[in-house]
Amino acid sequence: METNDSEFNRIVDSIKKIEEEADRVKNGAASEADRIKKKGKEDVAKLEEELKDVSVKKKNKILEQGVKEIEAEAQEILEDGKKEASNLKKKSLAKKKFDSLLYSILE
């Protein structure tokens, strides 16, 4: 019977060791899963920040290009306006001279 008891105790000890090893593996796996989740969250946050930076740079580039185009168009309109003003001034001066000449002839 003694052999059976020691054999039984050996089996129980082996089962306890297996359970301890299973618990150690389970805890290690849980710890690794937590580490992976944390790393994943950090990576996602980093990617979100990079995406935000790229988006801001792209937006600024588009805005700068738009401002340049608007400024160029405004400059063109200003030049056209100056030409028109100059033409009107010339026409007005010519009309005044014509009117003055006409009045002097009629007097």
PDB file of N, CA and C in Angstrom:
ATOM      1  N   MET A   1       0.806  -1.177   0.000  1.00  0.00           N
ATOM      2  CA  MET A   1       0.000   0.000   0.000  1.00  0.00           C
ATOM      3  C   MET A   1       0.858   1.254   0.000  1.00  0.00           C
ATOM      4  N   GLU A   2       2.001   1.099   0.657  1.00  0.00           N
ATOM      5  CA  GLU A   2       2.924   2.206   0.740  1.00  0.00           C
ATOM      6  C   GLU A   2       3.371   2.639  -0.652  1.00  0.00           C
ATOM      7  N   THR A   3       3.572   1.715  -1.517  1.00  0.00           N
ATOM      8  CA  THR A   3       3.981   2.012  -2.876  1.00  0.00           C
ATOM      9  C   THR A   3       2.883   2.773  -3.584  1.00  0.00           C
ATOM     10  N   ASN A   4       1.676   2.346  -3.359  1.00  0.00           N
ATOM     11  CA  ASN A   4       0.558   3.039  -3.970  1.00  0.00           C
ATOM     12  C   ASN A   4       0.441   4.479  -3.467  1.00  0.00           C
ATOM     13  N   ASP A   5       0.674   4.652  -2.145  1.00  0.00           N
ATOM     14  CA  ASP A   5       0.613   6.006  -1.585  1.00  0.00           C
ATOM     15  C   ASP A   5       1.708   6.890  -2.159  1.00  0.00           C
ATOM     16  N   SER A   6       2.923   6.374  -2.233  1.00  0.00           N
ATOM     17  CA  SER A   6       4.020   7.191  -2.755  1.00  0.00           C
ATOM     18  C   SER A   6       3.821   7.437  -4.248  1.00  0.00           C
ATOM     19  N   GLU A   7       3.291   6.463  -4.933  1.00  0.00           N
ATOM     20  CA  GLU A   7       3.002   6.640  -6.363  1.00  0.00           C
ATOM     21  C   GLU A   7       1.892   7.671  -6.534  1.00  0.00           C
ATOM     22  N   PHE A   8       0.904   7.578  -5.670  1.00  0.00           N
ATOM     23  CA  PHE A   8      -0.203   8.536  -5.711  1.00  0.00           C
ATOM     24  C   PHE A   8       0.327   9.950  -5.418  1.00  0.00           C
ATOM     25  N   ASN A   9       1.158  10.092  -4.420  1.00  0.00           N
ATOM     26  CA  ASN A   9       1.746  11.388  -4.072  1.00  0.00           C
ATOM     27  C   ASN A   9       2.604  11.926  -5.225  1.00  0.00           C
ATOM     28  N   ARG A  10       3.331  11.032  -5.875  1.00  0.00           N
ATOM     29  CA  ARG A  10       4.152  11.432  -7.014  1.00  0.00           C
ATOM     30  C   ARG A  10       3.264  11.963  -8.144  1.00  0.00           C
ATOM     31  N   ILE A  11       2.150  11.277  -8.364  1.00  0.00           N
ATOM     32  CA  ILE A  11       1.207  11.701  -9.413  1.00  0.00           C
ATOM     33  C   ILE A  11       0.605  13.060  -9.040  1.00  0.00           C
ATOM     34  N   VAL A  12       0.213  13.203  -7.777  1.00  0.00           N
ATOM     35  CA  VAL A  12      -0.362  14.464  -7.311  1.00  0.00           C
ATOM     36  C   VAL A  12       0.665  15.586  -7.450  1.00  0.00           C
ATOM     37  N   ASP A  13       1.907  15.322  -7.071  1.00  0.00           N
ATOM     38  CA  ASP A  13       2.971  16.326  -7.203  1.00  0.00           C
ATOM     39  C   ASP A  13       3.185  16.687  -8.673  1.00  0.00           C
ATOM     40  N   SER A  14       3.153  15.721  -9.532  1.00  0.00           N
ATOM     41  CA  SER A  14       3.319  15.971 -10.971  1.00  0.00           C
ATOM     42  C   SER A  14       2.171  16.828 -11.495  1.00  0.00           C
ATOM     43  N   ILE A  15       0.963  16.507 -11.044  1.00  0.00           N
ATOM     44  CA  ILE A  15      -0.203  17.298 -11.471  1.00  0.00           C
ATOM     45  C   ILE A  15      -0.069  18.732 -10.961  1.00  0.00           C
ATOM     46  N   LYS A  16       0.378  18.894  -9.703  1.00  0.00           N
ATOM     47  CA  LYS A  16       0.572  20.235  -9.148  1.00  0.00           C
ATOM     48  C   LYS A  16       1.614  21.007  -9.975  1.00  0.00           C
ATOM     49  N   LYS A  17       2.698  20.339 -10.337  1.00  0.00           N
ATOM     50  CA  LYS A  17       3.737  20.990 -11.143  1.00  0.00           C
ATOM     51  C   LYS A  17       3.186  21.384 -12.512  1.00  0.00           C
ATOM     52  N   ILE A  18       2.385  20.505 -13.073  1.00  0.00           N
ATOM     53  CA  ILE A  18       1.776  20.817 -14.379  1.00  0.00           C
ATOM     54  C   ILE A  18       0.831  22.008 -14.241  1.00  0.00           C
ATOM     55  N   GLU A  19       0.046  22.043 -13.181  1.00  0.00           N
ATOM     56  CA  GLU A  19      -0.868  23.164 -12.954  1.00  0.00           C
ATOM     57  C   GLU A  19      -0.090  24.465 -12.744  1.00  0.00           C
ATOM     58  N   GLU A  20       0.993  24.389 -11.976  1.00  0.00           N
ATOM     59  CA  GLU A  20       1.829  25.579 -11.763  1.00  0.00           C
ATOM     60  C   GLU A  20       2.415  26.071 -13.079  1.00  0.00           C
ATOM     61  N   GLU A  21       2.898  25.128 -13.878  1.00  0.00           N
ATOM     62  CA  GLU A  21       3.460  25.489 -15.182  1.00  0.00           C
ATOM     63  C   GLU A  21       2.377  26.095 -16.081  1.00  0.00           C
ATOM     64  N   ALA A  22       1.169  25.529 -16.045  1.00  0.00           N
ATOM     65  CA  ALA A  22       0.058  26.054 -16.841  1.00  0.00           C
ATOM     66  C   ALA A  22      -0.290  27.474 -16.388  1.00  0.00           C
ATOM     67  N   ASP A  23      -0.318  27.690 -15.072  1.00  0.00           N
ATOM     68  CA  ASP A  23      -0.588  29.031 -14.537  1.00  0.00           C
ATOM     69  C   ASP A  23       0.501  30.021 -14.964  1.00  0.00           C
ATOM     70  N   ARG A  24       1.768  29.553 -14.906  1.00  0.00           N
ATOM     71  CA  ARG A  24       2.876  30.415 -15.313  1.00  0.00           C
ATOM     72  C   ARG A  24       2.751  30.780 -16.799  1.00  0.00           C
ATOM     73  N   VAL A  25       2.423  29.806 -17.621  1.00  0.00           N
ATOM     74  CA  VAL A  25       2.259  30.053 -19.055  1.00  0.00           C
ATOM     75  C   VAL A  25       1.063  30.991 -19.284  1.00  0.00           C
ATOM     76  N   LYS A  26      -0.025  30.734 -18.566  1.00  0.00           N
ATOM     77  CA  LYS A  26      -1.226  31.572 -18.700  1.00  0.00           C
ATOM     78  C   LYS A  26      -0.922  33.011 -18.310  1.00  0.00           C
ATOM     79  N   ASN A  27      -0.243  33.202 -17.183  1.00  0.00           N
ATOM     80  CA  ASN A  27       0.115  34.548 -16.734  1.00  0.00           C
ATOM     81  C   ASN A  27       1.080  35.212 -17.717  1.00  0.00           C
ATOM     82  N   GLY A  28       2.013  34.424 -18.235  1.00  0.00           N
ATOM     83  CA  GLY A  28       2.952  34.959 -19.229  1.00  0.00           C
ATOM     84  C   GLY A  28       2.226  35.374 -20.496  1.00  0.00           C
ATOM     85  N   ALA A  29       1.268  34.548 -20.909  1.00  0.00           N
ATOM     86  CA  ALA A  29       0.499  34.873 -22.118  1.00  0.00           C
ATOM     87  C   ALA A  29      -0.340  36.128 -21.894  1.00  0.00           C
ATOM     88  N   ALA A  30      -0.940  36.251 -20.718  1.00  0.00           N
ATOM     89  CA  ALA A  30      -1.738  37.433 -20.405  1.00  0.00           C
ATOM     90  C   ALA A  30      -0.857  38.679 -20.374  1.00  0.00           C
ATOM     91  N   SER A  31       0.315  38.532 -19.792  1.00  0.00           N
ATOM     92  CA  SER A  31       1.258  39.650 -19.740  1.00  0.00           C
ATOM     93  C   SER A  31       1.705  40.041 -21.145  1.00  0.00           C
ATOM     94  N   GLU A  32       1.991  39.061 -21.974  1.00  0.00           N
ATOM     95  CA  GLU A  32       2.401  39.317 -23.366  1.00  0.00           C
ATOM     96  C   GLU A  32       1.259  39.960 -24.148  1.00  0.00           C
ATOM     97  N   ALA A  33       0.034  39.502 -23.913  1.00  0.00           N
ATOM     98  CA  ALA A  33      -1.130  40.085 -24.588  1.00  0.00           C
ATOM     99  C   ALA A  33      -1.289  41.551 -24.178  1.00  0.00           C
ATOM    100  N   ASP A  34      -1.112  41.848 -22.911  1.00  0.00           N
ATOM    101  CA  ASP A  34      -1.194  43.240 -22.435  1.00  0.00           C
ATOM    102  C   ASP A  34      -0.103  44.093 -23.075  1.00  0.00           C
ATOM    103  N   ARG A  35       1.114  43.529 -23.157  1.00  0.00           N
ATOM    104  CA  ARG A  35       2.220  44.258 -23.769  1.00  0.00           C
ATOM    105  C   ARG A  35       1.940  44.542 -25.245  1.00  0.00           C
ATOM    106  N   ILE A  36       1.398  43.561 -25.940  1.00  0.00           N
ATOM    107  CA  ILE A  36       1.079  43.722 -27.364  1.00  0.00           C
ATOM    108  C   ILE A  36      -0.029  44.765 -27.549  1.00  0.00           C
ATOM    109  N   LYS A  37      -1.047  44.714 -26.690  1.00  0.00           N
ATOM    110  CA  LYS A  37      -2.127  45.704 -26.767  1.00  0.00           C
ATOM    111  C   LYS A  37      -1.590  47.106 -26.535  1.00  0.00           C
ATOM    112  N   LYS A  38      -0.748  47.255 -25.521  1.00  0.00           N
ATOM    113  CA  LYS A  38      -0.175  48.562 -25.208  1.00  0.00           C
ATOM    114  C   LYS A  38       0.662  49.061 -26.384  1.00  0.00           C
ATOM    115  N   LYS A  39       1.486  48.183 -26.940  1.00  0.00           N
ATOM    116  CA  LYS A  39       2.326  48.552 -28.091  1.00  0.00           C
ATOM    117  C   LYS A  39       1.452  48.925 -29.278  1.00  0.00           C
ATOM    118  N   GLY A  40       0.384  48.178 -29.487  1.00  0.00           N
ATOM    119  CA  GLY A  40      -0.541  48.478 -30.580  1.00  0.00           C
ATOM    120  C   GLY A  40      -1.185  49.845 -30.419  1.00  0.00           C
ATOM    121  N   LYS A  41      -1.603  50.161 -29.204  1.00  0.00           N
ATOM    122  CA  LYS A  41      -2.199  51.476 -28.940  1.00  0.00           C
ATOM    123  C   LYS A  41      -1.185  52.587 -29.171  1.00  0.00           C
ATOM    124  N   GLU A  42       0.046  52.364 -28.736  1.00  0.00           N
ATOM    125  CA  GLU A  42       1.102  53.357 -28.961  1.00  0.00           C
ATOM    126  C   GLU A  42       1.356  53.551 -30.455  1.00  0.00           C
ATOM    127  N   ASP A  43       1.412  52.441 -31.189  1.00  0.00           N
ATOM    128  CA  ASP A  43       1.639  52.515 -32.635  1.00  0.00           C
ATOM    129  C   ASP A  43       0.493  53.248 -33.331  1.00  0.00           C
ATOM    130  N   VAL A  44      -0.734  52.953 -32.927  1.00  0.00           N
ATOM    131  CA  VAL A  44      -1.898  53.622 -33.526  1.00  0.00           C
ATOM    132  C   VAL A  44      -1.847  55.124 -33.220  1.00  0.00           C
ATOM    133  N   ALA A  45      -1.518  55.476 -31.993  1.00  0.00           N
ATOM    134  CA  ALA A  45      -1.425  56.889 -31.617  1.00  0.00           C
ATOM    135  C   ALA A  45      -0.334  57.587 -32.431  1.00  0.00           C
ATOM    136  N   LYS A  46       0.792  56.905 -32.608  1.00  0.00           N
ATOM    137  CA  LYS A  46       1.890  57.471 -33.401  1.00  0.00           C
ATOM    138  C   LYS A  46       1.453  57.663 -34.857  1.00  0.00           C
ATOM    139  N   LEU A  47       0.784  56.667 -35.413  1.00  0.00           N
ATOM    140  CA  LEU A  47       0.307  56.779 -36.793  1.00  0.00           C
ATOM    141  C   LEU A  47      -0.734  57.879 -36.942  1.00  0.00           C
ATOM    142  N   GLU A  48      -1.616  58.005 -35.962  1.00  0.00           N
ATOM    143  CA  GLU A  48      -2.617  59.075 -35.995  1.00  0.00           C
ATOM    144  C   GLU A  48      -1.930  60.439 -35.992  1.00  0.00           C
ATOM    145  N   GLU A  49      -0.897  60.590 -35.171  1.00  0.00           N
ATOM    146  CA  GLU A  49      -0.160  61.853 -35.100  1.00  0.00           C
ATOM    147  C   GLU A  49       0.547  62.132 -36.430  1.00  0.00           C
ATOM    148  N   GLU A  50       1.157  61.103 -37.001  1.00  0.00           N
ATOM    149  CA  GLU A  50       1.822  61.272 -38.294  1.00  0.00           C
ATOM    150  C   GLU A  50       0.811  61.648 -39.377  1.00  0.00           C
ATOM    151  N   LEU A  51      -0.333  60.996 -39.360  1.00  0.00           N
ATOM    152  CA  LEU A  51      -1.384  61.300 -40.336  1.00  0.00           C
ATOM    153  C   LEU A  51      -1.864  62.739 -40.164  1.00  0.00           C
ATOM    154  N   LYS A  52      -2.013  63.147 -38.923  1.00  0.00           N
ATOM    155  CA  LYS A  52      -2.438  64.518 -38.635  1.00  0.00           C
ATOM    156  C   LYS A  52      -1.397  65.507 -39.179  1.00  0.00           C
ATOM    157  N   ASP A  53      -0.114  65.226 -38.934  1.00  0.00           N
ATOM    158  CA  ASP A  53       0.952  66.105 -39.421  1.00  0.00           C
ATOM    159  C   ASP A  53       0.945  66.181 -40.943  1.00  0.00           C
ATOM    160  N   VAL A  54       0.804  65.031 -41.591  1.00  0.00           N
ATOM    161  CA  VAL A  54       0.776  65.001 -43.057  1.00  0.00           C
ATOM    162  C   VAL A  54      -0.438  65.777 -43.571  1.00  0.00           C
ATOM    163  N   SER A  55      -1.568  65.600 -42.922  1.00  0.00           N
ATOM    164  CA  SER A  55      -2.793  66.301 -43.329  1.00  0.00           C
ATOM    165  C   SER A  55      -2.633  67.810 -43.191  1.00  0.00           C
ATOM    166  N   VAL A  56      -2.037  68.249 -42.092  1.00  0.00           N
ATOM    167  CA  VAL A  56      -1.833  69.683 -41.873  1.00  0.00           C
ATOM    168  C   VAL A  56      -0.887  70.241 -42.935  1.00  0.00           C
ATOM    169  N   LYS A  57       0.197  69.504 -43.221  1.00  0.00           N
ATOM    170  CA  LYS A  57       1.138  69.957 -44.245  1.00  0.00           C
ATOM    171  C   LYS A  57       0.467  70.028 -45.607  1.00  0.00           C
ATOM    172  N   LYS A  58      -0.334  69.020 -45.933  1.00  0.00           N
ATOM    173  CA  LYS A  58      -1.038  68.993 -47.215  1.00  0.00           C
ATOM    174  C   LYS A  58      -2.016  70.168 -47.291  1.00  0.00           C
ATOM    175  N   LYS A  59      -2.762  70.395 -46.214  1.00  0.00           N
ATOM    176  CA  LYS A  59      -3.720  71.504 -46.168  1.00  0.00           C
ATOM    177  C   LYS A  59      -3.001  72.833 -46.359  1.00  0.00           C
ATOM    178  N   ASN A  60      -1.883  73.005 -45.646  1.00  0.00           N
ATOM    179  CA  ASN A  60      -1.125  74.255 -45.769  1.00  0.00           C
ATOM    180  C   ASN A  60      -0.599  74.453 -47.186  1.00  0.00           C
ATOM    181  N   LYS A  61      -0.142  73.374 -47.800  1.00  0.00           N
ATOM    182  CA  LYS A  61       0.357  73.455 -49.174  1.00  0.00           C
ATOM    183  C   LYS A  61      -0.764  73.867 -50.130  1.00  0.00           C
ATOM    184  N   ILE A  62      -1.932  73.275 -49.953  1.00  0.00           N
ATOM    185  CA  ILE A  62      -3.088  73.613 -50.794  1.00  0.00           C
ATOM    186  C   ILE A  62      -3.480  75.074 -50.583  1.00  0.00           C
ATOM    187  N   LEU A  63      -3.500  75.506 -49.324  1.00  0.00           N
ATOM    188  CA  LEU A  63      -3.846  76.897 -49.019  1.00  0.00           C
ATOM    189  C   LEU A  63      -2.827  77.864 -49.620  1.00  0.00           C
ATOM    190  N   GLU A  64      -1.547  77.536 -49.485  1.00  0.00           N
ATOM    191  CA  GLU A  64      -0.510  78.395 -50.056  1.00  0.00           C
ATOM    192  C   GLU A  64      -0.669  78.507 -51.565  1.00  0.00           C
ATOM    193  N   GLN A  65      -0.935  77.377 -52.216  1.00  0.00           N
ATOM    194  CA  GLN A  65      -1.122  77.386 -53.658  1.00  0.00           C
ATOM    195  C   GLN A  65      -2.346  78.223 -54.025  1.00  0.00           C
ATOM    196  N   GLY A  66      -3.416  78.077 -53.259  1.00  0.00           N
ATOM    197  CA  GLY A  66      -4.628  78.856 -53.501  1.00  0.00           C
ATOM    198  C   GLY A  66      -4.378  80.345 -53.336  1.00  0.00           C
ATOM    199  N   VAL A  67      -3.629  80.708 -52.295  1.00  0.00           N
ATOM    200  CA  VAL A  67      -3.308  82.116 -52.059  1.00  0.00           C
ATOM    201  C   VAL A  67      -2.480  82.656 -53.221  1.00  0.00           C
ATOM    202  N   LYS A  68      -1.494  81.874 -53.677  1.00  0.00           N
ATOM    203  CA  LYS A  68      -0.664  82.312 -54.807  1.00  0.00           C
ATOM    204  C   LYS A  68      -1.520  82.540 -56.057  1.00  0.00           C
ATOM    205  N   GLU A  69      -2.435  81.621 -56.312  1.00  0.00           N
ATOM    206  CA  GLU A  69      -3.307  81.756 -57.479  1.00  0.00           C
ATOM    207  C   GLU A  69      -4.205  82.988 -57.355  1.00  0.00           C
ATOM    208  N   ILE A  70      -4.752  83.194 -56.176  1.00  0.00           N
ATOM    209  CA  ILE A  70      -5.627  84.353 -55.952  1.00  0.00           C
ATOM    210  C   ILE A  70      -4.827  85.649 -56.077  1.00  0.00           C
ATOM    211  N   GLU A  71      -3.617  85.662 -55.510  1.00  0.00           N
ATOM    212  CA  GLU A  71      -2.782  86.856 -55.614  1.00  0.00           C
ATOM    213  C   GLU A  71      -2.433  87.146 -57.075  1.00  0.00           C
ATOM    214  N   ALA A  72      -2.112  86.097 -57.841  1.00  0.00           N
ATOM    215  CA  ALA A  72      -1.791  86.286 -59.256  1.00  0.00           C
ATOM    216  C   ALA A  72      -3.008  86.828 -60.013  1.00  0.00           C
ATOM    217  N   GLU A  73      -4.164  86.275 -59.725  1.00  0.00           N
ATOM    218  CA  GLU A  73      -5.399  86.737 -60.370  1.00  0.00           C
ATOM    219  C   GLU A  73      -5.708  88.178 -59.959  1.00  0.00           C
ATOM    220  N   ALA A  74      -5.519  88.493 -58.696  1.00  0.00           N
ATOM    221  CA  ALA A  74      -5.758  89.852 -58.218  1.00  0.00           C
ATOM    222  C   ALA A  74      -4.797  90.830 -58.891  1.00  0.00           C
ATOM    223  N   GLN A  75      -3.543  90.410 -59.049  1.00  0.00           N
ATOM    224  CA  GLN A  75      -2.559  91.255 -59.713  1.00  0.00           C
ATOM    225  C   GLN A  75      -2.962  91.507 -61.169  1.00  0.00           C
ATOM    226  N   GLU A  76      -3.435  90.446 -61.816  1.00  0.00           N
ATOM    227  CA  GLU A  76      -3.888  90.575 -63.213  1.00  0.00           C
ATOM    228  C   GLU A  76      -5.078  91.532 -63.306  1.00  0.00           C
ATOM    229  N   ILE A  77      -6.013  91.395 -62.394  1.00  0.00           N
ATOM    230  CA  ILE A  77      -7.185  92.285 -62.373  1.00  0.00           C
ATOM    231  C   ILE A  77      -6.740  93.729 -62.117  1.00  0.00           C
ATOM    232  N   LEU A  78      -5.795  93.894 -61.188  1.00  0.00           N
ATOM    233  CA  LEU A  78      -5.277  95.233 -60.890  1.00  0.00           C
ATOM    234  C   LEU A  78      -4.608  95.844 -62.126  1.00  0.00           C
ATOM    235  N   GLU A  79      -3.811  95.055 -62.821  1.00  0.00           N
ATOM    236  CA  GLU A  79      -3.151  95.543 -64.041  1.00  0.00           C
ATOM    237  C   GLU A  79      -4.185  95.921 -65.102  1.00  0.00           C
ATOM    238  N   ASP A  80      -5.192  95.060 -65.262  1.00  0.00           N
ATOM    239  CA  ASP A  80      -6.263  95.370 -66.221  1.00  0.00           C
ATOM    240  C   ASP A  80      -6.987  96.656 -65.816  1.00  0.00           C
ATOM    241  N   GLY A  81      -7.231  96.813 -64.538  1.00  0.00           N
ATOM    242  CA  GLY A  81      -7.894  98.015 -64.030  1.00  0.00           C
ATOM    243  C   GLY A  81      -7.059  99.259 -64.282  1.00  0.00           C
ATOM    244  N   LYS A  82      -5.756  99.148 -64.080  1.00  0.00           N
ATOM    245  CA  LYS A  82      -4.861 100.275 -64.333  1.00  0.00           C
ATOM    246  C   LYS A  82      -4.877 100.651 -65.818  1.00  0.00           C
ATOM    247  N   LYS A  83      -4.858  99.632 -66.672  1.00  0.00           N
ATOM    248  CA  LYS A  83      -4.907  99.894 -68.114  1.00  0.00           C
ATOM    249  C   LYS A  83      -6.214 100.591 -68.480  1.00  0.00           C
ATOM    250  N   GLU A  84      -7.316 100.093 -67.944  1.00  0.00           N
ATOM    251  CA  GLU A  84      -8.630 100.696 -68.212  1.00  0.00           C
ATOM    252  C   GLU A  84      -8.668 102.128 -67.709  1.00  0.00           C
ATOM    253  N   ALA A  85      -8.142 102.345 -66.517  1.00  0.00           N
ATOM    254  CA  ALA A  85      -8.124 103.695 -65.943  1.00  0.00           C
ATOM    255  C   ALA A  85      -7.284 104.619 -66.813  1.00  0.00           C
ATOM    256  N   SER A  86      -6.155 104.117 -67.267  1.00  0.00           N
ATOM    257  CA  SER A  86      -5.286 104.915 -68.136  1.00  0.00           C
ATOM    258  C   SER A  86      -5.992 105.239 -69.447  1.00  0.00           C
ATOM    259  N   ASN A  87      -6.660 104.238 -70.031  1.00  0.00           N
ATOM    260  CA  ASN A  87      -7.405 104.459 -71.268  1.00  0.00           C
ATOM    261  C   ASN A  87      -8.528 105.478 -71.066  1.00  0.00           C
ATOM    262  N   LEU A  88      -9.249 105.341 -69.958  1.00  0.00           N
ATOM    263  CA  LEU A  88     -10.321 106.294 -69.668  1.00  0.00           C
ATOM    264  C   LEU A  88      -9.767 107.698 -69.474  1.00  0.00           C
ATOM    265  N   LYS A  89      -8.636 107.779 -68.800  1.00  0.00           N
ATOM    266  CA  LYS A  89      -8.008 109.075 -68.570  1.00  0.00           C
ATOM    267  C   LYS A  89      -7.600 109.711 -69.905  1.00  0.00           C
ATOM    268  N   LYS A  90      -7.015 108.874 -70.795  1.00  0.00           N
ATOM    269  CA  LYS A  90      -6.610 109.368 -72.112  1.00  0.00           C
ATOM    270  C   LYS A  90      -7.838 109.837 -72.901  1.00  0.00           C
ATOM    271  N   LYS A  91      -8.900 109.023 -72.854  1.00  0.00           N
ATOM    272  CA  LYS A  91     -10.126 109.387 -73.569  1.00  0.00           C
ATOM    273  C   LYS A  91     -10.715 110.670 -72.994  1.00  0.00           C
ATOM    274  N   SER A  92     -10.701 110.777 -71.682  1.00  0.00           N
ATOM    275  CA  SER A  92     -11.245 111.957 -71.024  1.00  0.00           C
ATOM    276  C   SER A  92     -10.411 113.189 -71.385  1.00  0.00           C
ATOM    277  N   LEU A  93      -9.106 113.042 -71.392  1.00  0.00           N
ATOM    278  CA  LEU A  93      -8.225 114.143 -71.746  1.00  0.00           C
ATOM    279  C   LEU A  93      -8.427 114.536 -73.207  1.00  0.00           C
ATOM    280  N   ALA A  94      -8.545 113.534 -74.065  1.00  0.00           N
ATOM    281  CA  ALA A  94      -8.771 113.814 -75.493  1.00  0.00           C
ATOM    282  C   ALA A  94     -10.110 114.520 -75.678  1.00  0.00           C
ATOM    283  N   LYS A  95     -11.148 114.065 -74.933  1.00  0.00           N
ATOM    284  CA  LYS A  95     -12.464 114.700 -75.038  1.00  0.00           C
ATOM    285  C   LYS A  95     -12.399 116.134 -74.550  1.00  0.00           C
ATOM    286  N   LYS A  96     -11.691 116.370 -73.457  1.00  0.00           N
ATOM    287  CA  LYS A  96     -11.551 117.735 -72.932  1.00  0.00           C
ATOM    288  C   LYS A  96     -10.841 118.617 -73.955  1.00  0.00           C
ATOM    289  N   LYS A  97      -9.779 118.075 -74.567  1.00  0.00           N
ATOM    290  CA  LYS A  97      -9.051 118.843 -75.575  1.00  0.00           C
ATOM    291  C   LYS A  97      -9.945 119.122 -76.779  1.00  0.00           C
ATOM    292  N   PHE A  98     -10.696 118.085 -77.177  1.00  0.00           N
ATOM    293  CA  PHE A  98     -11.614 118.262 -78.315  1.00  0.00           C
ATOM    294  C   PHE A  98     -12.673 119.299 -77.991  1.00  0.00           C
ATOM    295  N   ASP A  99     -13.251 119.164 -76.784  1.00  0.00           N
ATOM    296  CA  ASP A  99     -14.276 120.127 -76.361  1.00  0.00           C
ATOM    297  C   ASP A  99     -13.697 121.534 -76.293  1.00  0.00           C
ATOM    298  N   SER A 100     -12.507 121.649 -75.750  1.00  0.00           N
ATOM    299  CA  SER A 100     -11.861 122.951 -75.632  1.00  0.00           C
ATOM    300  C   SER A 100     -11.593 123.540 -77.014  1.00  0.00           C
ATOM    301  N   LEU A 101     -11.115 122.710 -77.910  1.00  0.00           N
ATOM    302  CA  LEU A 101     -10.847 123.157 -79.272  1.00  0.00           C
ATOM    303  C   LEU A 101     -12.146 123.555 -79.959  1.00  0.00           C
ATOM    304  N   LEU A 102     -13.197 122.756 -79.775  1.00  0.00           N
ATOM    305  CA  LEU A 102     -14.498 123.044 -80.372  1.00  0.00           C
ATOM    306  C   LEU A 102     -15.047 124.379 -79.853  1.00  0.00           C
ATOM    307  N   TYR A 103     -14.962 124.577 -78.534  1.00  0.00           N
ATOM    308  CA  TYR A 103     -15.452 125.844 -77.949  1.00  0.00           C
ATOM    309  C   TYR A 103     -14.648 127.028 -78.465  1.00  0.00           C
ATOM    310  N   SER A 104     -13.342 126.830 -78.602  1.00  0.00           N
ATOM    311  CA  SER A 104     -12.537 127.953 -79.080  1.00  0.00           C
ATOM    312  C   SER A 104     -12.857 128.267 -80.542  1.00  0.00           C
ATOM    313  N   ILE A 105     -13.218 127.274 -81.331  1.00  0.00           N
ATOM    314  CA  ILE A 105     -13.581 127.492 -82.717  1.00  0.00           C
ATOM    315  C   ILE A 105     -14.943 128.177 -82.772  1.00  0.00           C
ATOM    316  N   LEU A 106     -15.847 127.771 -81.938  1.00  0.00           N
ATOM    317  CA  LEU A 106     -17.202 128.310 -81.944  1.00  0.00           C
ATOM    318  C   LEU A 106     -17.252 129.714 -81.378  1.00  0.00           C
ATOM    319  N   GLU A 107     -16.313 130.138 -80.642  1.00  0.00           N
ATOM    320  CA  GLU A 107     -16.339 131.464 -80.045  1.00  0.00           C
ATOM    321  C   GLU A 107     -15.882 132.480 -80.975  1.00  0.00           C
TER     322      GLU A 107
END
